[in-house]
Amino acid sequence: MLPGGKIFPLIEALLKDSDRFVQKAVGWALREALMPYPAETEAFIRCHAQALSSLAFTEATRKLPPAQRAEIVARRRAGWATSNSPKD
């Protein structure tokens, strides 16, 4: 597995790609990164919640604990800049 410092820049470079399968892969990559890098992945999802396509966001948050997922979804729906919000 690549270190997080190499994975997240690769994922970030693909956030604006319009291909459906690329967006699905972005979500899968984030979902799988939760195992070895849970804190870093959650921070990345929070930071980029508005930039993630709905497909990527759904896949990326699928394995988050329900309370965390619900909070991130609510902030995304509200349009909050979650990267600037304090984490409780």
Protein backbone atom coordinates (compact mmCIF):
# COMPACT_ATOMS: atom_id res chain seq x y z
CA MET A 1 0.00 0.00 0.00
CA LEU A 2 1.23 3.47 -0.85
CA PRO A 3 1.71 5.91 2.00
CA GLY A 4 -1.15 8.36 2.56
CA GLY A 5 1.05 11.23 1.44
CA LYS A 6 1.10 9.71 -2.03
CA ILE A 7 -2.45 8.37 -2.19
CA PHE A 8 -4.37 11.54 -1.37
CA PRO A 9 -2.69 13.79 -3.95
CA LEU A 10 -3.47 11.18 -6.63
CA ILE A 11 -7.12 11.08 -5.57
CA GLU A 12 -7.32 14.86 -5.36
CA ALA A 13 -6.09 15.18 -8.94
CA LEU A 14 -9.11 13.15 -10.11
CA LEU A 15 -11.85 14.98 -8.22
CA LYS A 16 -12.91 17.05 -11.25
CA ASP A 17 -12.77 14.21 -13.76
CA SER A 18 -16.21 13.86 -15.32
CA ASP A 19 -16.00 10.14 -16.13
CA ARG A 20 -18.48 8.14 -14.08
CA PHE A 21 -16.09 5.24 -13.62
CA VAL A 22 -13.27 7.51 -12.48
CA GLN A 23 -15.60 9.00 -9.87
CA LYS A 24 -16.62 5.54 -8.71
CA ALA A 25 -12.90 4.65 -8.43
CA VAL A 26 -12.26 7.84 -6.41
CA GLY A 27 -14.93 6.72 -3.94
CA TRP A 28 -13.57 3.18 -3.81
CA ALA A 29 -10.02 4.42 -3.23
CA LEU A 30 -11.17 6.62 -0.35
CA ARG A 31 -13.28 3.83 1.12
CA GLU A 32 -10.34 1.44 1.05
CA ALA A 33 -7.98 4.10 2.45
CA LEU A 34 -10.16 4.19 5.58
CA MET A 35 -8.62 0.92 6.78
CA PRO A 36 -4.94 1.93 6.92
CA TYR A 37 -5.47 5.72 7.23
CA PRO A 38 -8.79 6.35 9.04
CA ALA A 39 -8.10 9.83 10.42
CA GLU A 40 -6.39 11.11 7.27
CA THR A 41 -9.13 9.72 5.03
CA GLU A 42 -11.92 11.18 7.12
CA ALA A 43 -10.14 14.55 7.08
CA PHE A 44 -9.77 14.33 3.28
CA ILE A 45 -13.47 13.51 2.86
CA ARG A 46 -14.45 16.39 5.15
CA CYS A 47 -12.14 18.80 3.36
CA HIS A 48 -13.34 17.80 -0.11
CA ALA A 49 -16.97 16.96 0.67
CA GLN A 50 -18.26 19.68 -1.65
CA ALA A 51 -15.86 18.74 -4.47
CA LEU A 52 -16.62 15.00 -4.41
CA SER A 53 -19.23 13.90 -6.93
CA SER A 54 -22.32 12.31 -5.44
CA LEU A 55 -21.14 8.91 -6.70
CA ALA A 56 -17.65 9.30 -5.18
CA PHE A 57 -19.08 10.70 -1.94
CA THR A 58 -21.52 7.81 -1.54
CA GLU A 59 -18.82 5.20 -2.10
CA ALA A 60 -16.26 7.01 0.08
CA THR A 61 -18.57 7.32 3.08
CA ARG A 62 -20.13 3.86 2.85
CA LYS A 63 -17.93 2.33 5.59
CA LEU A 64 -17.87 5.30 7.97
CA PRO A 65 -19.63 4.80 11.29
CA PRO A 66 -23.28 5.91 10.93
CA ALA A 67 -22.95 8.94 13.21
CA GLN A 68 -19.86 10.24 11.39
CA ARG A 69 -21.44 9.64 8.00
CA ALA A 70 -24.67 11.40 9.02
CA GLU A 71 -22.75 14.43 10.27
CA ILE A 72 -20.65 14.71 7.10
CA VAL A 73 -23.73 14.24 4.89
CA ALA A 74 -25.60 16.97 6.82
CA ARG A 75 -22.69 19.38 6.44
CA ARG A 76 -22.38 18.58 2.74
CA ARG A 77 -26.09 19.19 2.21
CA ALA A 78 -25.86 22.46 4.09
CA GLY A 79 -22.90 23.48 1.94
CA TRP A 80 -20.60 23.97 4.90
CA ALA A 81 -16.88 24.20 4.34
CA THR A 82 -16.17 21.23 6.59
CA SER A 83 -12.41 21.68 6.33
CA ASN A 84 -12.74 24.89 8.35
CA SER A 85 -15.10 23.48 10.96
CA PRO A 86 -13.70 22.20 14.24
CA LYS A 87 -13.93 18.46 14.67
CA ASP A 88 -15.72 17.40 17.84
